Structure formats: structure tokens, C-alpha cells
Amino acid sequence: MAWLLRILVLLVAGAVLLVFLAMAAVMLLLSCLRWLITGRKPDFVIMLKAVQRYKNMAARQPTHGPHSDDIIEAEVREVKDKPPQLPS
């Protein structure tokens, strides 16, 4: 009896998998048809291009690191004779 239950569970799981694959194929087909009709690229294409762009940006070597040759000088003075004011 246990083997019959296992076969039944496998058949149900296979049917669910086929339903999801069919739904994905239909959605892909509708998305491509919309692309042909409206000229707007599908969202998954835009998302994949964005992921590729971010991967390329992360792979590039930074041109200016924290140890660059730029020298920045600053002078700080405290003014004690005037009360603090917000800039107008």
C-alpha cells in the first residue's frame, strides 16, 4: 500500500509541475506578443539587463580609491564672539 501512495504523490507532484510549466510558457508567450504589439520590452528582459549592468559595475576597478594622490586641506576655526545663527 505504501508504494501505491508514493506513486500517487509522484503523479500529483508531476501534474503540479506540468501545470506550472504550462502557465510559465503561456505567460512568456503573452509577454512576447505584447512586446510585438506595443514595442515595449518585457519586464524580465529589462531586469536581466539591469542585473548585468550592476555586475559589470561591480567588476570594474575603481578609478579613485581611498588612498588616491589627491591632497585635501582644511582649516577649522571656532568663532566665539557671535551667537550661533542659522544661515538665511
Protein backbone atom coordinates (compact mmCIF):
# COMPACT_ATOMS: atom_id res chain seq x y z
CA MET A 1 0.00 0.00 0.00
CA ALA A 2 2.88 2.41 0.72
CA TRP A 3 4.23 2.09 -2.82
CA LEU A 4 0.80 2.97 -4.18
CA LEU A 5 0.75 6.12 -2.06
CA ARG A 6 4.26 7.04 -3.27
CA ILE A 7 3.22 6.60 -6.89
CA LEU A 8 0.12 8.72 -6.29
CA VAL A 9 2.16 11.50 -4.66
CA LEU A 10 4.67 11.44 -7.54
CA LEU A 11 1.84 11.67 -10.08
CA VAL A 12 0.28 14.63 -8.27
CA ALA A 13 3.67 16.36 -7.99
CA GLY A 14 4.31 15.76 -11.70
CA ALA A 15 0.90 17.17 -12.60
CA VAL A 16 1.51 20.28 -10.49
CA LEU A 17 4.92 20.75 -12.11
CA LEU A 18 3.39 20.43 -15.59
CA VAL A 19 0.69 22.97 -14.73
CA PHE A 20 3.28 25.50 -13.52
CA LEU A 21 5.45 24.94 -16.60
CA ALA A 22 2.43 25.41 -18.87
CA MET A 23 1.49 28.62 -17.05
CA ALA A 24 5.04 29.92 -17.40
CA ALA A 25 5.02 29.12 -21.12
CA VAL A 26 1.69 30.91 -21.60
CA MET A 27 2.94 33.97 -19.68
CA LEU A 28 6.12 34.04 -21.78
CA LEU A 29 4.06 33.80 -24.96
CA LEU A 30 1.74 36.62 -23.86
CA SER A 31 4.72 38.76 -22.87
CA CYS A 32 6.35 38.25 -26.27
CA LEU A 33 3.08 39.05 -28.06
CA ARG A 34 2.74 42.25 -26.05
CA TRP A 35 6.34 43.07 -27.00
CA LEU A 36 5.50 42.66 -30.67
CA ILE A 37 2.29 44.70 -30.45
CA THR A 38 3.39 47.59 -28.22
CA GLY A 39 7.15 47.61 -28.82
CA ARG A 40 7.78 47.69 -25.06
CA LYS A 41 10.33 45.16 -23.89
CA PRO A 42 9.16 42.57 -21.35
CA ASP A 43 9.96 43.26 -17.73
CA PHE A 44 12.16 40.20 -17.37
CA VAL A 45 14.42 41.42 -20.21
CA ILE A 46 14.78 44.82 -18.53
CA MET A 47 15.51 43.15 -15.19
CA LEU A 48 18.16 40.86 -16.69
CA LYS A 49 19.88 43.81 -18.37
CA ALA A 50 19.88 45.73 -15.08
CA VAL A 51 21.45 42.78 -13.26
CA GLN A 52 24.13 42.51 -15.96
CA ARG A 53 24.82 46.24 -15.72
CA TYR A 54 25.22 46.07 -11.93
CA LYS A 55 27.54 43.05 -12.24
CA ASN A 56 29.70 44.94 -14.72
CA MET A 57 29.79 47.99 -12.45
CA ALA A 58 30.88 45.83 -9.50
CA ALA A 59 33.57 44.08 -11.55
CA ARG A 60 35.20 47.31 -12.73
CA GLN A 61 38.22 48.54 -10.82
CA PRO A 62 37.59 51.82 -9.00
CA THR A 63 39.44 54.74 -10.52
CA HIS A 64 39.79 56.64 -7.24
CA GLY A 65 40.37 54.68 -4.11
CA PRO A 66 40.68 55.85 -0.52
CA HIS A 67 44.47 56.13 -0.97
CA SER A 68 44.49 58.36 -4.02
CA ASP A 69 47.07 61.07 -4.55
CA ASP A 70 44.60 63.91 -4.03
CA ILE A 71 45.50 66.18 -1.14
CA ILE A 72 42.68 67.96 0.60
CA GLU A 73 43.45 70.68 3.10
CA ALA A 74 41.01 72.22 5.51
CA GLU A 75 41.26 74.84 8.22
CA VAL A 76 38.77 74.93 11.06
CA ARG A 77 38.33 77.90 13.36
CA GLU A 78 35.84 78.46 16.14
CA VAL A 79 34.23 81.88 16.31
CA LYS A 80 33.38 82.71 19.94
CA ASP A 81 32.26 86.34 19.82
CA LYS A 82 28.98 85.82 17.85
CA PRO A 83 25.93 83.83 18.93
CA PRO A 84 25.11 80.81 16.75
CA GLN A 85 22.77 81.61 13.86
CA LEU A 86 21.11 79.64 11.15
CA PRO A 87 22.09 80.72 7.63
CA SER A 88 19.44 82.88 5.99
